[in-house]
């Protein structure tokens, strides 16, 4: 089994959950999160902007810049059989891809064991 962690735009939650369920992946977790990708503003440009009076050279001013701003996203966690990983990845990409930076990221991780909380038993993943 594998866990897919998909970080997607907050505006894509409804479409993503419908697509996952429609493709045979009805069980998942979705939580709000904040984050940012690799697109960082050049430190020299940042200092120039902040030092020019556009933004105050303070922690508050820095938090409003592109280099430090965290963007609201949604984190989907989906557990799938090894044979269905590519199917789930394809669904997530099809729904969330706009061709623009910020569409998201998908991580695939191994799942070694799971337990049923109610019974306290290992489910034999």
N, C-alpha and C. Protein backbone atom coordinates (compact mmCIF):
# COMPACT_ATOMS: atom_id res chain seq x y z
N UNK A 1 0.86 -1.17 0.00
CA UNK A 1 0.00 0.00 0.00
C UNK A 1 0.90 1.23 0.00
N UNK A 2 0.32 2.31 -0.54
CA UNK A 2 1.03 3.59 -0.60
C UNK A 2 0.10 4.70 -0.10
N UNK A 3 0.72 5.73 0.43
CA UNK A 3 -0.02 6.94 0.78
C UNK A 3 0.34 8.01 -0.24
N UNK A 4 -0.68 8.62 -0.81
CA UNK A 4 -0.48 9.76 -1.69
C UNK A 4 -0.82 11.00 -0.89
N UNK A 5 0.13 11.90 -0.77
CA UNK A 5 -0.10 13.19 -0.14
C UNK A 5 -0.12 14.21 -1.27
N UNK A 6 -1.28 14.80 -1.49
CA UNK A 6 -1.44 15.76 -2.58
C UNK A 6 -1.75 17.13 -2.01
N UNK A 7 -0.90 18.09 -2.31
CA UNK A 7 -1.13 19.47 -1.90
C UNK A 7 -1.69 20.19 -3.12
N UNK A 8 -2.91 20.70 -2.98
CA UNK A 8 -3.60 21.31 -4.12
C UNK A 8 -4.18 22.67 -3.75
N UNK A 9 -4.62 23.39 -4.76
CA UNK A 9 -5.26 24.69 -4.53
C UNK A 9 -6.54 24.50 -3.71
N UNK A 10 -6.81 25.44 -2.81
CA UNK A 10 -8.00 25.35 -1.97
C UNK A 10 -9.29 25.38 -2.79
N UNK A 11 -9.25 26.01 -3.95
CA UNK A 11 -10.44 26.11 -4.79
C UNK A 11 -10.76 24.82 -5.53
N UNK A 12 -9.89 23.83 -5.45
CA UNK A 12 -10.06 22.57 -6.18
C UNK A 12 -10.56 21.42 -5.31
N UNK A 13 -10.94 21.70 -4.06
CA UNK A 13 -11.33 20.63 -3.14
C UNK A 13 -12.53 19.85 -3.66
N UNK A 14 -13.60 20.53 -4.03
CA UNK A 14 -14.81 19.85 -4.49
C UNK A 14 -14.57 18.99 -5.71
N UNK A 15 -13.87 19.54 -6.69
CA UNK A 15 -13.57 18.78 -7.91
C UNK A 15 -12.67 17.59 -7.62
N UNK A 16 -11.72 17.78 -6.70
CA UNK A 16 -10.78 16.70 -6.38
C UNK A 16 -11.50 15.56 -5.67
N UNK A 17 -12.33 15.88 -4.68
CA UNK A 17 -13.00 14.80 -3.95
C UNK A 17 -13.99 14.06 -4.86
N UNK A 18 -14.68 14.76 -5.75
CA UNK A 18 -15.60 14.11 -6.67
C UNK A 18 -14.84 13.21 -7.65
N UNK A 19 -13.70 13.68 -8.14
CA UNK A 19 -12.91 12.89 -9.09
C UNK A 19 -12.34 11.65 -8.42
N UNK A 20 -11.83 11.79 -7.19
CA UNK A 20 -11.30 10.63 -6.47
C UNK A 20 -12.39 9.59 -6.24
N UNK A 21 -13.54 10.03 -5.75
CA UNK A 21 -14.64 9.10 -5.49
C UNK A 21 -15.10 8.44 -6.78
N UNK A 22 -15.20 9.21 -7.85
CA UNK A 22 -15.64 8.68 -9.13
C UNK A 22 -14.68 7.68 -9.73
N UNK A 23 -13.39 7.77 -9.36
CA UNK A 23 -12.37 6.86 -9.88
C UNK A 23 -12.15 5.66 -8.97
N UNK A 24 -12.98 5.54 -7.93
CA UNK A 24 -12.86 4.38 -7.04
C UNK A 24 -11.97 4.60 -5.83
N UNK A 25 -11.76 5.85 -5.46
CA UNK A 25 -10.98 6.18 -4.26
C UNK A 25 -11.85 7.01 -3.32
N UNK A 26 -12.88 6.41 -2.72
CA UNK A 26 -13.82 7.19 -1.90
C UNK A 26 -13.27 7.57 -0.52
N UNK A 27 -12.23 6.89 -0.05
CA UNK A 27 -11.69 7.17 1.28
C UNK A 27 -10.45 8.03 1.22
N UNK A 28 -10.51 9.18 1.88
CA UNK A 28 -9.35 10.08 1.91
C UNK A 28 -9.54 11.06 3.06
N UNK A 29 -8.49 11.77 3.36
CA UNK A 29 -8.52 12.83 4.36
C UNK A 29 -8.13 14.12 3.66
N UNK A 30 -8.79 15.22 4.01
CA UNK A 30 -8.45 16.52 3.44
C UNK A 30 -8.40 17.55 4.57
N UNK A 31 -7.28 18.23 4.68
CA UNK A 31 -7.13 19.24 5.74
C UNK A 31 -6.59 20.54 5.15
N UNK A 32 -6.98 21.68 5.73
CA UNK A 32 -6.41 22.96 5.28
C UNK A 32 -4.94 23.04 5.71
N UNK A 33 -4.13 23.68 4.91
CA UNK A 33 -2.74 23.90 5.26
C UNK A 33 -2.25 25.19 4.61
N UNK A 34 -1.10 25.65 5.03
CA UNK A 34 -0.46 26.83 4.46
C UNK A 34 0.91 26.41 3.96
N UNK A 35 1.32 26.97 2.84
CA UNK A 35 2.65 26.63 2.34
C UNK A 35 3.02 27.44 1.13
N UNK A 36 4.15 27.07 0.57
CA UNK A 36 4.61 27.74 -0.63
C UNK A 36 5.56 26.80 -1.36
N UNK A 37 5.73 27.03 -2.63
CA UNK A 37 6.62 26.23 -3.44
C UNK A 37 8.02 26.80 -3.49
N UNK A 38 8.76 26.40 -4.50
CA UNK A 38 10.16 26.81 -4.63
C UNK A 38 10.34 28.19 -5.22
N UNK A 39 9.29 28.76 -5.82
CA UNK A 39 9.44 30.05 -6.50
C UNK A 39 9.72 31.13 -5.46
N UNK A 40 10.97 31.49 -5.32
CA UNK A 40 11.38 32.50 -4.34
C UNK A 40 11.88 33.74 -5.05
N UNK A 41 11.62 34.88 -4.45
CA UNK A 41 12.13 36.13 -4.99
C UNK A 41 13.61 36.22 -4.67
N UNK A 42 14.39 36.72 -5.58
CA UNK A 42 15.82 36.92 -5.39
C UNK A 42 16.05 37.77 -4.15
N UNK A 43 16.93 37.34 -3.21
CA UNK A 43 17.17 38.10 -1.99
C UNK A 43 17.62 39.54 -2.25
N UNK A 44 18.37 39.77 -3.33
CA UNK A 44 18.80 41.13 -3.66
C UNK A 44 17.62 42.01 -4.02
N UNK A 45 16.70 41.46 -4.80
CA UNK A 45 15.50 42.21 -5.18
C UNK A 45 14.64 42.47 -3.95
N UNK A 46 14.51 41.47 -3.09
CA UNK A 46 13.73 41.62 -1.86
C UNK A 46 14.28 42.76 -1.01
N UNK A 47 15.60 42.80 -0.84
CA UNK A 47 16.21 43.86 -0.03
C UNK A 47 16.00 45.22 -0.68
N UNK A 48 16.09 45.27 -2.00
CA UNK A 48 15.89 46.52 -2.73
C UNK A 48 14.46 47.04 -2.52
N UNK A 49 13.47 46.16 -2.66
CA UNK A 49 12.07 46.55 -2.48
C UNK A 49 11.82 47.00 -1.05
N UNK A 50 12.28 46.20 -0.09
CA UNK A 50 12.01 46.52 1.31
C UNK A 50 12.78 47.75 1.75
N UNK A 51 13.96 47.95 1.21
CA UNK A 51 14.76 49.10 1.59
C UNK A 51 14.35 50.38 0.86
N UNK A 52 13.53 50.25 -0.19
CA UNK A 52 13.15 51.41 -0.99
C UNK A 52 11.96 52.16 -0.40
N UNK A 53 11.39 51.64 0.66
CA UNK A 53 10.24 52.30 1.24
C UNK A 53 8.93 51.70 0.77
N UNK A 54 8.98 50.78 -0.22
CA UNK A 54 7.74 50.13 -0.65
C UNK A 54 7.12 49.34 0.48
N UNK A 55 7.94 48.59 1.19
CA UNK A 55 7.50 47.85 2.36
C UNK A 55 8.47 48.16 3.49
N UNK A 56 7.97 48.24 4.71
CA UNK A 56 8.88 48.52 5.83
C UNK A 56 9.83 47.35 6.05
N UNK A 57 11.06 47.66 6.40
CA UNK A 57 12.05 46.64 6.69
C UNK A 57 11.82 46.11 8.10
N UNK A 58 10.71 45.40 8.26
CA UNK A 58 10.33 44.81 9.55
C UNK A 58 9.84 43.40 9.30
N UNK A 59 9.61 42.66 10.36
CA UNK A 59 9.09 41.30 10.22
C UNK A 59 7.72 41.33 9.55
N UNK A 60 6.91 42.32 9.89
CA UNK A 60 5.58 42.43 9.28
C UNK A 60 5.69 42.73 7.79
N UNK A 61 6.60 43.61 7.42
CA UNK A 61 6.80 43.93 6.01
C UNK A 61 7.31 42.74 5.23
N UNK A 62 8.22 42.00 5.85
CA UNK A 62 8.78 40.82 5.18
C UNK A 62 7.71 39.75 4.98
N UNK A 63 6.78 39.62 5.94
CA UNK A 63 5.75 38.59 5.83
C UNK A 63 4.77 38.87 4.70
N UNK A 64 4.74 40.12 4.20
CA UNK A 64 3.84 40.47 3.11
C UNK A 64 4.49 40.31 1.75
N UNK A 65 5.75 39.97 1.70
CA UNK A 65 6.43 39.83 0.42
C UNK A 65 6.20 38.44 -0.17
N UNK A 66 6.43 38.32 -1.46
CA UNK A 66 6.26 37.03 -2.15
C UNK A 66 7.20 35.98 -1.58
N UNK A 67 8.39 36.38 -1.15
CA UNK A 67 9.38 35.42 -0.67
C UNK A 67 8.96 34.76 0.63
N UNK A 68 8.15 35.41 1.44
CA UNK A 68 7.80 34.87 2.75
C UNK A 68 6.33 34.49 2.87
N UNK A 69 5.50 34.86 1.91
CA UNK A 69 4.07 34.65 2.02
C UNK A 69 3.70 33.17 1.94
N UNK A 70 2.82 32.72 2.85
CA UNK A 70 2.31 31.36 2.82
C UNK A 70 0.92 31.40 2.21
N UNK A 71 0.65 30.45 1.34
CA UNK A 71 -0.59 30.44 0.56
C UNK A 71 -1.50 29.34 1.08
N UNK A 72 -2.80 29.63 1.24
CA UNK A 72 -3.74 28.59 1.69
C UNK A 72 -3.84 27.48 0.64
N UNK A 73 -3.67 26.26 1.08
CA UNK A 73 -3.75 25.07 0.22
C UNK A 73 -4.58 24.02 0.95
N UNK A 74 -4.79 22.88 0.30
CA UNK A 74 -5.45 21.74 0.93
C UNK A 74 -4.55 20.52 0.75
N UNK A 75 -4.46 19.71 1.79
CA UNK A 75 -3.65 18.50 1.77
C UNK A 75 -4.57 17.30 1.79
N UNK A 76 -4.56 16.55 0.69
CA UNK A 76 -5.31 15.30 0.59
C UNK A 76 -4.36 14.15 0.93
N UNK A 77 -4.83 13.20 1.72
CA UNK A 77 -4.10 11.98 2.00
C UNK A 77 -4.98 10.82 1.55
N UNK A 78 -4.45 10.01 0.63
CA UNK A 78 -5.20 8.89 0.07
C UNK A 78 -4.33 7.64 0.17
N UNK A 79 -4.88 6.57 0.74
CA UNK A 79 -4.17 5.29 0.82
C UNK A 79 -4.68 4.40 -0.30
N UNK A 80 -3.75 3.89 -1.12
CA UNK A 80 -4.15 3.09 -2.28
C UNK A 80 -3.28 1.83 -2.38
N UNK A 81 -3.83 0.80 -3.05
CA UNK A 81 -3.05 -0.39 -3.35
C UNK A 81 -1.92 -0.02 -4.31
N UNK A 82 -0.83 -0.73 -4.21
CA UNK A 82 0.34 -0.45 -5.06
C UNK A 82 -0.03 -0.40 -6.55
N UNK A 83 -0.93 -1.30 -6.96
CA UNK A 83 -1.30 -1.38 -8.37
C UNK A 83 -2.13 -0.19 -8.84
N UNK A 84 -2.69 0.57 -7.91
CA UNK A 84 -3.57 1.69 -8.27
C UNK A 84 -2.94 3.06 -8.07
N UNK A 85 -1.67 3.09 -7.69
CA UNK A 85 -1.00 4.37 -7.44
C UNK A 85 -1.06 5.28 -8.66
N UNK A 86 -0.69 4.77 -9.82
CA UNK A 86 -0.65 5.61 -11.01
C UNK A 86 -2.05 6.10 -11.39
N UNK A 87 -3.08 5.27 -11.17
CA UNK A 87 -4.46 5.69 -11.44
C UNK A 87 -4.83 6.90 -10.58
N UNK A 88 -4.51 6.82 -9.29
CA UNK A 88 -4.84 7.92 -8.38
C UNK A 88 -4.04 9.17 -8.72
N UNK A 89 -2.76 9.00 -9.05
CA UNK A 89 -1.92 10.15 -9.43
C UNK A 89 -2.49 10.81 -10.68
N UNK A 90 -2.89 10.00 -11.66
CA UNK A 90 -3.45 10.55 -12.89
C UNK A 90 -4.72 11.35 -12.63
N UNK A 91 -5.57 10.86 -11.73
CA UNK A 91 -6.80 11.58 -11.38
C UNK A 91 -6.46 12.92 -10.73
N UNK A 92 -5.54 12.89 -9.78
CA UNK A 92 -5.16 14.13 -9.08
C UNK A 92 -4.56 15.16 -10.04
N UNK A 93 -3.73 14.71 -10.95
CA UNK A 93 -3.12 15.64 -11.91
C UNK A 93 -4.17 16.19 -12.86
N UNK A 94 -5.04 15.32 -13.37
CA UNK A 94 -6.06 15.76 -14.33
C UNK A 94 -6.97 16.84 -13.74
N UNK A 95 -7.34 16.68 -12.49
CA UNK A 95 -8.25 17.64 -11.86
C UNK A 95 -7.56 18.93 -11.46
N UNK A 96 -6.32 18.85 -11.03
CA UNK A 96 -5.67 20.01 -10.43
C UNK A 96 -4.69 20.75 -11.33
N UNK A 97 -4.43 20.25 -12.51
CA UNK A 97 -3.46 20.90 -13.39
C UNK A 97 -4.10 22.03 -14.20
N UNK A 98 -3.57 23.23 -14.02
CA UNK A 98 -4.01 24.38 -14.82
C UNK A 98 -2.88 24.84 -15.74
N UNK A 99 -1.69 24.28 -15.53
CA UNK A 99 -0.54 24.68 -16.32
C UNK A 99 0.19 25.89 -15.74
N UNK A 100 -0.21 26.32 -14.56
CA UNK A 100 0.40 27.49 -13.93
C UNK A 100 1.10 27.09 -12.63
N UNK A 101 2.12 27.85 -12.23
CA UNK A 101 2.76 27.56 -10.95
C UNK A 101 1.74 27.60 -9.81
N UNK A 102 1.91 26.72 -8.85
CA UNK A 102 1.00 26.68 -7.71
C UNK A 102 -0.09 25.63 -7.82
N UNK A 103 -0.05 24.81 -8.90
CA UNK A 103 -1.05 23.77 -9.06
C UNK A 103 -0.95 22.71 -7.97
N UNK A 104 0.22 22.49 -7.42
CA UNK A 104 0.35 21.55 -6.32
C UNK A 104 1.48 20.56 -6.49
N UNK A 105 1.48 19.59 -5.59
CA UNK A 105 2.54 18.59 -5.57
C UNK A 105 1.94 17.30 -5.01
N UNK A 106 2.43 16.15 -5.51
CA UNK A 106 1.98 14.84 -5.03
C UNK A 106 3.20 14.07 -4.56
N UNK A 107 3.12 13.55 -3.35
CA UNK A 107 4.18 12.72 -2.78
C UNK A 107 3.62 11.31 -2.60
N UNK A 108 4.43 10.31 -2.90
CA UNK A 108 4.02 8.91 -2.73
C UNK A 108 4.93 8.28 -1.68
N UNK A 109 4.30 7.75 -0.62
CA UNK A 109 5.05 7.17 0.49
C UNK A 109 4.60 5.74 0.76
N UNK A 110 5.50 4.90 1.24
CA UNK A 110 5.10 3.53 1.59
C UNK A 110 4.28 3.52 2.88
N UNK A 111 3.32 2.61 2.94
CA UNK A 111 2.54 2.38 4.16
C UNK A 111 2.87 0.98 4.63
N UNK A 112 3.46 0.85 5.80
CA UNK A 112 3.90 -0.45 6.29
C UNK A 112 2.81 -1.19 7.03
N UNK A 113 2.08 -0.49 7.88
CA UNK A 113 1.09 -1.13 8.73
C UNK A 113 -0.03 -0.16 9.02
N UNK A 114 -1.22 -0.72 9.24
CA UNK A 114 -2.32 0.10 9.74
C UNK A 114 -3.09 -0.69 10.77
N UNK A 115 -3.81 0.02 11.64
CA UNK A 115 -4.58 -0.60 12.70
C UNK A 115 -6.00 -0.05 12.66
N UNK A 116 -6.94 -0.89 13.00
CA UNK A 116 -8.32 -0.44 13.18
C UNK A 116 -8.45 0.01 14.62
N UNK A 117 -8.74 1.27 14.83
CA UNK A 117 -8.78 1.83 16.17
C UNK A 117 -9.86 1.15 17.02
N UNK A 118 -11.03 0.97 16.46
CA UNK A 118 -12.16 0.38 17.21
C UNK A 118 -11.80 -0.99 17.75
N UNK A 119 -11.14 -1.81 16.93
CA UNK A 119 -10.82 -3.19 17.33
C UNK A 119 -9.42 -3.35 17.90
N UNK A 120 -8.54 -2.38 17.62
CA UNK A 120 -7.18 -2.47 18.08
C UNK A 120 -6.37 -3.54 17.37
N UNK A 121 -6.82 -3.88 16.16
CA UNK A 121 -6.14 -4.93 15.41
C UNK A 121 -5.43 -4.40 14.21
N UNK A 122 -4.37 -5.10 13.82
CA UNK A 122 -3.64 -4.76 12.62
C UNK A 122 -4.49 -5.19 11.42
N UNK A 123 -4.53 -4.32 10.39
CA UNK A 123 -5.37 -4.62 9.24
C UNK A 123 -4.63 -5.33 8.13
N UNK A 124 -3.35 -5.60 8.31
CA UNK A 124 -2.61 -6.36 7.32
C UNK A 124 -2.38 -5.67 6.01
N UNK A 125 -1.95 -4.45 6.07
CA UNK A 125 -1.70 -3.68 4.85
C UNK A 125 -0.66 -4.34 4.02
